[in-house]
């Protein structure tokens, strides 16, 4: 009989440990999910600003062409990041 009680106690202890581990993993996953969402919002905002900047530079003739080129490169870079991380479009890069 005492062996059965010991087995029951061991089973309860293992279940409690498993629940604790599950709760820790769930907490970490929820935290990462929120951080991921926050980063996606930041990337989307940066891409929007880069597009506005690019459009403004295209309309202004007094800005040196190097600035326009930098703006184009930034917009293209952020566009690739948006495709890969926001829209989950995988590009075939060699």
PDB file of N, CA and C in Angstrom:
ATOM      1  N   UNK A   1       0.816  -1.190   0.000  1.00  0.00           N
ATOM      2  CA  UNK A   1       0.000   0.000   0.000  1.00  0.00           C
ATOM      3  C   UNK A   1       0.864   1.260   0.000  1.00  0.00           C
ATOM      4  N   UNK A   2       1.939   1.288   0.806  1.00  0.00           N
ATOM      5  CA  UNK A   2       2.785   2.480   0.868  1.00  0.00           C
ATOM      6  C   UNK A   2       3.487   2.736  -0.466  1.00  0.00           C
ATOM      7  N   UNK A   3       3.769   1.664  -1.217  1.00  0.00           N
ATOM      8  CA  UNK A   3       4.385   1.821  -2.535  1.00  0.00           C
ATOM      9  C   UNK A   3       3.416   2.512  -3.493  1.00  0.00           C
ATOM     10  N   UNK A   4       2.123   2.213  -3.406  1.00  0.00           N
ATOM     11  CA  UNK A   4       1.100   2.851  -4.241  1.00  0.00           C
ATOM     12  C   UNK A   4       0.989   4.340  -3.901  1.00  0.00           C
ATOM     13  N   UNK A   5       1.058   4.671  -2.622  1.00  0.00           N
ATOM     14  CA  UNK A   5       0.996   6.068  -2.199  1.00  0.00           C
ATOM     15  C   UNK A   5       2.213   6.816  -2.721  1.00  0.00           C
ATOM     16  N   UNK A   6       3.376   6.190  -2.651  1.00  0.00           N
ATOM     17  CA  UNK A   6       4.607   6.795  -3.158  1.00  0.00           C
ATOM     18  C   UNK A   6       4.498   7.032  -4.656  1.00  0.00           C
ATOM     19  N   UNK A   7       3.963   6.083  -5.396  1.00  0.00           N
ATOM     20  CA  UNK A   7       3.791   6.246  -6.831  1.00  0.00           C
ATOM     21  C   UNK A   7       2.812   7.374  -7.145  1.00  0.00           C
ATOM     22  N   UNK A   8       1.719   7.458  -6.358  1.00  0.00           N
ATOM     23  CA  UNK A   8       0.744   8.532  -6.551  1.00  0.00           C
ATOM     24  C   UNK A   8       1.381   9.893  -6.271  1.00  0.00           C
ATOM     25  N   UNK A   9       2.168   9.977  -5.212  1.00  0.00           N
ATOM     26  CA  UNK A   9       2.839  11.236  -4.874  1.00  0.00           C
ATOM     27  C   UNK A   9       3.852  11.620  -5.951  1.00  0.00           C
ATOM     28  N   UNK A  10       4.579  10.638  -6.455  1.00  0.00           N
ATOM     29  CA  UNK A  10       5.555  10.897  -7.512  1.00  0.00           C
ATOM     30  C   UNK A  10       4.848  11.365  -8.778  1.00  0.00           C
ATOM     31  N   UNK A  11       3.702  10.760  -9.077  1.00  0.00           N
ATOM     32  CA  UNK A  11       2.928  11.152 -10.250  1.00  0.00           C
ATOM     33  C   UNK A  11       2.407  12.582 -10.105  1.00  0.00           C
ATOM     34  N   UNK A  12       1.914  12.914  -8.934  1.00  0.00           N
ATOM     35  CA  UNK A  12       1.424  14.280  -8.678  1.00  0.00           C
ATOM     36  C   UNK A  12       2.566  15.281  -8.787  1.00  0.00           C
ATOM     37  N   UNK A  13       3.728  14.923  -8.251  1.00  0.00           N
ATOM     38  CA  UNK A  13       4.896  15.808  -8.323  1.00  0.00           C
ATOM     39  C   UNK A  13       5.341  16.022  -9.770  1.00  0.00           C
ATOM     40  N   UNK A  14       5.350  14.960 -10.564  1.00  0.00           N
ATOM     41  CA  UNK A  14       5.721  15.083 -11.975  1.00  0.00           C
ATOM     42  C   UNK A  14       4.709  15.937 -12.729  1.00  0.00           C
ATOM     43  N   UNK A  15       3.421  15.751 -12.424  1.00  0.00           N
ATOM     44  CA  UNK A  15       2.379  16.548 -13.080  1.00  0.00           C
ATOM     45  C   UNK A  15       2.525  18.023 -12.724  1.00  0.00           C
ATOM     46  N   UNK A  16       2.824  18.304 -11.462  1.00  0.00           N
ATOM     47  CA  UNK A  16       3.033  19.693 -11.048  1.00  0.00           C
ATOM     48  C   UNK A  16       4.237  20.311 -11.748  1.00  0.00           C
ATOM     49  N   UNK A  17       5.314  19.539 -11.865  1.00  0.00           N
ATOM     50  CA  UNK A  17       6.515  20.018 -12.551  1.00  0.00           C
ATOM     51  C   UNK A  17       6.228  20.267 -14.023  1.00  0.00           C
ATOM     52  N   UNK A  18       5.478  19.363 -14.653  1.00  0.00           N
ATOM     53  CA  UNK A  18       5.105  19.531 -16.060  1.00  0.00           C
ATOM     54  C   UNK A  18       4.242  20.771 -16.249  1.00  0.00           C
ATOM     55  N   UNK A  19       3.301  20.999 -15.347  1.00  0.00           N
ATOM     56  CA  UNK A  19       2.439  22.191 -15.427  1.00  0.00           C
ATOM     57  C   UNK A  19       3.269  23.460 -15.273  1.00  0.00           C
ATOM     58  N   UNK A  20       4.218  23.452 -14.356  1.00  0.00           N
ATOM     59  CA  UNK A  20       5.087  24.614 -14.145  1.00  0.00           C
ATOM     60  C   UNK A  20       5.910  24.896 -15.408  1.00  0.00           C
ATOM     61  N   UNK A  21       6.477  23.846 -15.999  1.00  0.00           N
ATOM     62  CA  UNK A  21       7.258  23.999 -17.228  1.00  0.00           C
ATOM     63  C   UNK A  21       6.386  24.509 -18.366  1.00  0.00           C
ATOM     64  N   UNK A  22       5.177  23.963 -18.486  1.00  0.00           N
ATOM     65  CA  UNK A  22       4.238  24.408 -19.518  1.00  0.00           C
ATOM     66  C   UNK A  22       3.894  25.889 -19.347  1.00  0.00           C
ATOM     67  N   UNK A  23       3.623  26.298 -18.115  1.00  0.00           N
ATOM     68  CA  UNK A  23       3.283  27.702 -17.844  1.00  0.00           C
ATOM     69  C   UNK A  23       4.444  28.633 -18.192  1.00  0.00           C
ATOM     70  N   UNK A  24       5.674  28.216 -17.881  1.00  0.00           N
ATOM     71  CA  UNK A  24       6.850  29.027 -18.205  1.00  0.00           C
ATOM     72  C   UNK A  24       7.011  29.172 -19.713  1.00  0.00           C
ATOM     73  N   UNK A  25       6.856  28.076 -20.436  1.00  0.00           N
ATOM     74  CA  UNK A  25       6.995  28.107 -21.898  1.00  0.00           C
ATOM     75  C   UNK A  25       5.894  28.955 -22.518  1.00  0.00           C
ATOM     76  N   UNK A  26       4.674  28.819 -22.027  1.00  0.00           N
ATOM     77  CA  UNK A  26       3.551  29.610 -22.535  1.00  0.00           C
ATOM     78  C   UNK A  26       3.786  31.094 -22.294  1.00  0.00           C
ATOM     79  N   UNK A  27       4.290  31.444 -21.111  1.00  0.00           N
ATOM     80  CA  UNK A  27       4.584  32.843 -20.804  1.00  0.00           C
ATOM     81  C   UNK A  27       5.637  33.399 -21.762  1.00  0.00           C
ATOM     82  N   UNK A  28       6.712  32.632 -21.989  1.00  0.00           N
ATOM     83  CA  UNK A  28       7.776  33.078 -22.892  1.00  0.00           C
ATOM     84  C   UNK A  28       7.262  33.217 -24.322  1.00  0.00           C
ATOM     85  N   UNK A  29       6.427  32.282 -24.756  1.00  0.00           N
ATOM     86  CA  UNK A  29       5.858  32.339 -26.098  1.00  0.00           C
ATOM     87  C   UNK A  29       4.961  33.561 -26.267  1.00  0.00           C
ATOM     88  N   UNK A  30       4.133  33.836 -25.277  1.00  0.00           N
ATOM     89  CA  UNK A  30       3.271  35.024 -25.336  1.00  0.00           C
ATOM     90  C   UNK A  30       4.098  36.305 -25.392  1.00  0.00           C
ATOM     91  N   UNK A  31       5.168  36.347 -24.616  1.00  0.00           N
ATOM     92  CA  UNK A  31       6.048  37.516 -24.610  1.00  0.00           C
ATOM     93  C   UNK A  31       6.716  37.702 -25.977  1.00  0.00           C
ATOM     94  N   UNK A  32       7.206  36.611 -26.556  1.00  0.00           N
ATOM     95  CA  UNK A  32       7.830  36.685 -27.879  1.00  0.00           C
ATOM     96  C   UNK A  32       6.826  37.090 -28.954  1.00  0.00           C
ATOM     97  N   UNK A  33       5.603  36.613 -28.837  1.00  0.00           N
ATOM     98  CA  UNK A  33       4.564  36.973 -29.793  1.00  0.00           C
ATOM     99  C   UNK A  33       4.289  38.471 -29.747  1.00  0.00           C
ATOM    100  N   UNK A  34       4.210  39.040 -28.562  1.00  0.00           N
ATOM    101  CA  UNK A  34       3.992  40.486 -28.425  1.00  0.00           C
ATOM    102  C   UNK A  34       5.180  41.283 -28.949  1.00  0.00           C
ATOM    103  N   UNK A  35       6.389  40.818 -28.668  1.00  0.00           N
ATOM    104  CA  UNK A  35       7.579  41.497 -29.176  1.00  0.00           C
ATOM    105  C   UNK A  35       7.619  41.441 -30.699  1.00  0.00           C
ATOM    106  N   UNK A  36       7.248  40.304 -31.268  1.00  0.00           N
ATOM    107  CA  UNK A  36       7.223  40.144 -32.715  1.00  0.00           C
ATOM    108  C   UNK A  36       6.213  41.109 -33.337  1.00  0.00           C
ATOM    109  N   UNK A  37       5.049  41.224 -32.739  1.00  0.00           N
ATOM    110  CA  UNK A  37       4.031  42.145 -33.236  1.00  0.00           C
ATOM    111  C   UNK A  37       4.531  43.584 -33.169  1.00  0.00           C
ATOM    112  N   UNK A  38       5.186  43.936 -32.085  1.00  0.00           N
ATOM    113  CA  UNK A  38       5.724  45.285 -31.932  1.00  0.00           C
ATOM    114  C   UNK A  38       6.776  45.580 -33.000  1.00  0.00           C
ATOM    115  N   UNK A  39       7.654  44.618 -33.266  1.00  0.00           N
ATOM    116  CA  UNK A  39       8.677  44.803 -34.299  1.00  0.00           C
ATOM    117  C   UNK A  39       8.044  44.935 -35.684  1.00  0.00           C
ATOM    118  N   UNK A  40       6.993  44.160 -35.945  1.00  0.00           N
ATOM    119  CA  UNK A  40       6.307  44.261 -37.231  1.00  0.00           C
ATOM    120  C   UNK A  40       5.680  45.648 -37.399  1.00  0.00           C
ATOM    121  N   UNK A  41       5.123  46.190 -36.331  1.00  0.00           N
ATOM    122  CA  UNK A  41       4.562  47.546 -36.396  1.00  0.00           C
ATOM    123  C   UNK A  41       5.663  48.565 -36.670  1.00  0.00           C
ATOM    124  N   UNK A  42       6.805  48.406 -36.021  1.00  0.00           N
ATOM    125  CA  UNK A  42       7.926  49.328 -36.230  1.00  0.00           C
ATOM    126  C   UNK A  42       8.435  49.257 -37.670  1.00  0.00           C
ATOM    127  N   UNK A  43       8.559  48.050 -38.203  1.00  0.00           N
ATOM    128  CA  UNK A  43       9.025  47.886 -39.589  1.00  0.00           C
ATOM    129  C   UNK A  43       8.032  48.524 -40.557  1.00  0.00           C
ATOM    130  N   UNK A  44       6.743  48.299 -40.321  1.00  0.00           N
ATOM    131  CA  UNK A  44       5.714  48.871 -41.186  1.00  0.00           C
ATOM    132  C   UNK A  44       5.754  50.394 -41.145  1.00  0.00           C
ATOM    133  N   UNK A  45       5.921  50.957 -39.976  1.00  0.00           N
ATOM    134  CA  UNK A  45       6.012  52.418 -39.843  1.00  0.00           C
ATOM    135  C   UNK A  45       7.247  52.962 -40.564  1.00  0.00           C
ATOM    136  N   UNK A  46       8.385  52.303 -40.387  1.00  0.00           N
ATOM    137  CA  UNK A  46       9.613  52.748 -41.051  1.00  0.00           C
ATOM    138  C   UNK A  46       9.466  52.678 -42.568  1.00  0.00           C
ATOM    139  N   UNK A  47       8.831  51.626 -43.060  1.00  0.00           N
ATOM    140  CA  UNK A  47       8.614  51.499 -44.506  1.00  0.00           C
ATOM    141  C   UNK A  47       7.714  52.617 -45.013  1.00  0.00           C
ATOM    142  N   UNK A  48       6.672  52.939 -44.266  1.00  0.00           N
ATOM    143  CA  UNK A  48       5.777  54.029 -44.658  1.00  0.00           C
ATOM    144  C   UNK A  48       6.502  55.361 -44.730  1.00  0.00           C
ATOM    145  N   UNK A  49       7.326  55.644 -43.751  1.00  0.00           N
ATOM    146  CA  UNK A  49       8.089  56.897 -43.743  1.00  0.00           C
ATOM    147  C   UNK A  49       9.076  56.912 -44.909  1.00  0.00           C
ATOM    148  N   UNK A  50       9.716  55.792 -45.179  1.00  0.00           N
ATOM    149  CA  UNK A  50      10.672  55.725 -46.296  1.00  0.00           C
ATOM    150  C   UNK A  50       9.963  55.965 -47.630  1.00  0.00           C
ATOM    151  N   UNK A  51       8.758  55.452 -47.787  1.00  0.00           N
ATOM    152  CA  UNK A  51       8.010  55.678 -49.032  1.00  0.00           C
ATOM    153  C   UNK A  51       7.617  57.149 -49.178  1.00  0.00           C
ATOM    154  N   UNK A  52       7.175  57.748 -48.084  1.00  0.00           N
ATOM    155  CA  UNK A  52       6.821  59.175 -48.130  1.00  0.00           C
ATOM    156  C   UNK A  52       8.055  60.002 -48.470  1.00  0.00           C
ATOM    157  N   UNK A  53       9.166  59.701 -47.814  1.00  0.00           N
ATOM    158  CA  UNK A  53      10.418  60.404 -48.078  1.00  0.00           C
ATOM    159  C   UNK A  53      10.835  60.251 -49.536  1.00  0.00           C
ATOM    160  N   UNK A  54      10.727  59.041 -50.048  1.00  0.00           N
ATOM    161  CA  UNK A  54      11.090  58.770 -51.437  1.00  0.00           C
ATOM    162  C   UNK A  54      10.217  59.586 -52.397  1.00  0.00           C
ATOM    163  N   UNK A  55       8.925  59.639 -52.125  1.00  0.00           N
ATOM    164  CA  UNK A  55       8.021  60.426 -52.972  1.00  0.00           C
ATOM    165  C   UNK A  55       8.333  61.919 -52.900  1.00  0.00           C
ATOM    166  N   UNK A  56       8.633  62.412 -51.712  1.00  0.00           N
ATOM    167  CA  UNK A  56       8.973  63.835 -51.562  1.00  0.00           C
ATOM    168  C   UNK A  56      10.273  64.165 -52.285  1.00  0.00           C
ATOM    169  N   UNK A  57      11.243  63.283 -52.202  1.00  0.00           N
ATOM    170  CA  UNK A  57      12.526  63.513 -52.870  1.00  0.00           C
ATOM    171  C   UNK A  57      12.330  63.512 -54.383  1.00  0.00           C
ATOM    172  N   UNK A  58      11.482  62.620 -54.886  1.00  0.00           N
ATOM    173  CA  UNK A  58      11.223  62.566 -56.329  1.00  0.00           C
ATOM    174  C   UNK A  58      10.586  63.862 -56.839  1.00  0.00           C
ATOM    175  N   UNK A  59       9.839  64.554 -55.999  1.00  0.00           N
ATOM    176  CA  UNK A  59       9.141  65.772 -56.404  1.00  0.00           C
ATOM    177  C   UNK A  59       9.991  67.025 -56.244  1.00  0.00           C
ATOM    178  N   UNK A  60      11.106  66.902 -55.569  1.00  0.00           N
ATOM    179  CA  UNK A  60      11.951  68.070 -55.305  1.00  0.00           C
ATOM    180  C   UNK A  60      13.208  68.008 -56.179  1.00  0.00           C
ATOM    181  N   UNK A  61      13.460  69.069 -56.932  1.00  0.00           N
ATOM    182  CA  UNK A  61      14.595  69.087 -57.864  1.00  0.00           C
ATOM    183  C   UNK A  61      15.876  69.618 -57.222  1.00  0.00           C
ATOM    184  N   UNK A  62      15.780  70.174 -56.036  1.00  0.00           N
ATOM    185  CA  UNK A  62      16.943  70.784 -55.397  1.00  0.00           C
ATOM    186  C   UNK A  62      17.769  69.783 -54.575  1.00  0.00           C
ATOM    187  N   UNK A  63      17.306  68.579 -54.448  1.00  0.00           N
ATOM    188  CA  UNK A  63      18.004  67.580 -53.640  1.00  0.00           C
ATOM    189  C   UNK A  63      19.009  66.843 -54.516  1.00  0.00           C
ATOM    190  N   UNK A  64      20.242  66.689 -54.034  1.00  0.00           N
ATOM    191  CA  UNK A  64      21.266  65.984 -54.817  1.00  0.00           C
ATOM    192  C   UNK A  64      20.826  64.552 -55.155  1.00  0.00           C
ATOM    193  N   UNK A  65      21.227  64.062 -56.313  1.00  0.00           N
ATOM    194  CA  UNK A  65      20.806  62.718 -56.725  1.00  0.00           C
ATOM    195  C   UNK A  65      21.292  61.612 -55.786  1.00  0.00           C
ATOM    196  N   UNK A  66      22.390  61.851 -55.073  1.00  0.00           N
ATOM    197  CA  UNK A  66      22.891  60.841 -54.136  1.00  0.00           C
ATOM    198  C   UNK A  66      21.876  60.585 -53.020  1.00  0.00           C
ATOM    199  N   UNK A  67      21.217  61.655 -52.587  1.00  0.00           N
ATOM    200  CA  UNK A  67      20.199  61.522 -51.543  1.00  0.00           C
ATOM    201  C   UNK A  67      19.027  60.700 -52.078  1.00  0.00           C
ATOM    202  N   UNK A  68      18.646  60.956 -53.311  1.00  0.00           N
ATOM    203  CA  UNK A  68      17.576  60.180 -53.937  1.00  0.00           C
ATOM    204  C   UNK A  68      17.936  58.707 -54.041  1.00  0.00           C
ATOM    205  N   UNK A  69      19.185  58.439 -54.391  1.00  0.00           N
ATOM    206  CA  UNK A  69      19.643  57.057 -54.498  1.00  0.00           C
ATOM    207  C   UNK A  69      19.603  56.366 -53.137  1.00  0.00           C
ATOM    208  N   UNK A  70      20.073  57.066 -52.109  1.00  0.00           N
ATOM    209  CA  UNK A  70      20.025  56.502 -50.756  1.00  0.00           C
ATOM    210  C   UNK A  70      18.587  56.218 -50.327  1.00  0.00           C
ATOM    211  N   UNK A  71      17.696  57.128 -50.662  1.00  0.00           N
ATOM    212  CA  UNK A  71      16.287  56.947 -50.331  1.00  0.00           C
ATOM    213  C   UNK A  71      15.711  55.734 -51.064  1.00  0.00           C
ATOM    214  N   UNK A  72      16.056  55.571 -52.332  1.00  0.00           N
ATOM    215  CA  UNK A  72      15.590  54.410 -53.108  1.00  0.00           C
ATOM    216  C   UNK A  72      16.101  53.099 -52.512  1.00  0.00           C
ATOM    217  N   UNK A  73      17.370  53.100 -52.125  1.00  0.00           N
ATOM    218  CA  UNK A  73      17.971  51.893 -51.549  1.00  0.00           C
ATOM    219  C   UNK A  73      17.295  51.556 -50.217  1.00  0.00           C
ATOM    220  N   UNK A  74      17.064  52.568 -49.392  1.00  0.00           N
ATOM    221  CA  UNK A  74      16.397  52.350 -48.107  1.00  0.00           C
ATOM    222  C   UNK A  74      14.990  51.799 -48.311  1.00  0.00           C
ATOM    223  N   UNK A  75      14.238  52.375 -49.239  1.00  0.00           N
ATOM    224  CA  UNK A  75      12.880  51.917 -49.507  1.00  0.00           C
ATOM    225  C   UNK A  75      12.885  50.474 -50.005  1.00  0.00           C
ATOM    226  N   UNK A  76      13.806  50.156 -50.917  1.00  0.00           N
ATOM    227  CA  UNK A  76      13.892  48.798 -51.451  1.00  0.00           C
ATOM    228  C   UNK A  76      14.271  47.794 -50.359  1.00  0.00           C
ATOM    229  N   UNK A  77      15.195  48.189 -49.508  1.00  0.00           N
ATOM    230  CA  UNK A  77      15.613  47.314 -48.404  1.00  0.00           C
ATOM    231  C   UNK A  77      14.444  47.038 -47.462  1.00  0.00           C
ATOM    232  N   UNK A  78      13.747  48.105 -47.077  1.00  0.00           N
ATOM    233  CA  UNK A  78      12.604  47.932 -46.187  1.00  0.00           C
ATOM    234  C   UNK A  78      11.475  47.157 -46.867  1.00  0.00           C
ATOM    235  N   UNK A  79      11.349  47.319 -48.173  1.00  0.00           N
ATOM    236  CA  UNK A  79      10.345  46.558 -48.912  1.00  0.00           C
ATOM    237  C   UNK A  79      10.647  45.061 -48.843  1.00  0.00           C
ATOM    238  N   UNK A  80      11.913  44.700 -48.987  1.00  0.00           N
ATOM    239  CA  UNK A  80      12.304  43.287 -48.867  1.00  0.00           C
ATOM    240  C   UNK A  80      12.043  42.748 -47.461  1.00  0.00           C
ATOM    241  N   UNK A  81      12.304  43.570 -46.457  1.00  0.00           N
ATOM    242  CA  UNK A  81      12.041  43.163 -45.077  1.00  0.00           C
ATOM    243  C   UNK A  81      10.538  42.981 -44.860  1.00  0.00           C
ATOM    244  N   UNK A  82       9.740  43.895 -45.419  1.00  0.00           N
ATOM    245  CA  UNK A  82       8.280  43.768 -45.318  1.00  0.00           C
ATOM    246  C   UNK A  82       7.810  42.470 -45.975  1.00  0.00           C
ATOM    247  N   UNK A  83       8.313  42.200 -47.173  1.00  0.00           N
ATOM    248  CA  UNK A  83       7.908  40.981 -47.877  1.00  0.00           C
ATOM    249  C   UNK A  83       8.232  39.736 -47.060  1.00  0.00           C
ATOM    250  N   UNK A  84       9.427  39.696 -46.502  1.00  0.00           N
ATOM    251  CA  UNK A  84       9.878  38.496 -45.794  1.00  0.00           C
ATOM    252  C   UNK A  84       9.238  38.348 -44.412  1.00  0.00           C
ATOM    253  N   UNK A  85       9.081  39.452 -43.680  1.00  0.00           N
ATOM    254  CA  UNK A  85       8.682  39.353 -42.273  1.00  0.00           C
ATOM    255  C   UNK A  85       7.236  39.728 -41.988  1.00  0.00           C
ATOM    256  N   UNK A  86       6.632  40.506 -42.838  1.00  0.00           N
ATOM    257  CA  UNK A  86       5.243  40.906 -42.614  1.00  0.00           C
ATOM    258  C   UNK A  86       4.318  40.058 -43.486  1.00  0.00           C
ATOM    259  N   UNK A  87       4.650  39.960 -44.772  1.00  0.00           N
ATOM    260  CA  UNK A  87       3.790  39.244 -45.705  1.00  0.00           C
ATOM    261  C   UNK A  87       4.210  37.795 -45.912  1.00  0.00           C
ATOM    262  N   UNK A  88       5.322  37.392 -45.288  1.00  0.00           N
ATOM    263  CA  UNK A  88       5.839  36.012 -45.372  1.00  0.00           C
ATOM    264  C   UNK A  88       6.062  35.551 -46.805  1.00  0.00           C
ATOM    265  N   UNK A  89       6.554  36.460 -47.639  1.00  0.00           N
ATOM    266  CA  UNK A  89       6.918  36.117 -49.006  1.00  0.00           C
ATOM    267  C   UNK A  89       8.400  35.787 -49.003  1.00  0.00           C
ATOM    268  N   UNK A  90       8.731  34.573 -49.358  1.00  0.00           N
ATOM    269  CA  UNK A  90      10.124  34.143 -49.375  1.00  0.00           C
ATOM    270  C   UNK A  90      10.710  34.404 -50.764  1.00  0.00           C
ATOM    271  N   UNK A  91      11.762  35.212 -50.797  1.00  0.00           N
ATOM    272  CA  UNK A  91      12.418  35.545 -52.047  1.00  0.00           C
ATOM    273  C   UNK A  91      13.537  34.542 -52.329  1.00  0.00           C
ATOM    274  N   UNK A  92      13.751  34.254 -53.580  1.00  0.00           N
ATOM    275  CA  UNK A  92      14.837  33.342 -53.975  1.00  0.00           C
ATOM    276  C   UNK A  92      16.104  34.140 -54.177  1.00  0.00           C
ATOM    277  N   UNK A  93      16.867  34.279 -53.127  1.00  0.00           N
ATOM    278  CA  UNK A  93      18.150  34.975 -53.211  1.00  0.00           C
ATOM    279  C   UNK A  93      19.264  33.940 -53.298  1.00  0.00           C
ATOM    280  N   UNK A  94      20.157  34.092 -54.287  1.00  0.00           N
ATOM    281  CA  UNK A  94      21.253  33.114 -54.412  1.00  0.00           C
ATOM    282  C   UNK A  94      22.240  33.208 -53.271  1.00  0.00           C
TER     283      UNK A  94
END
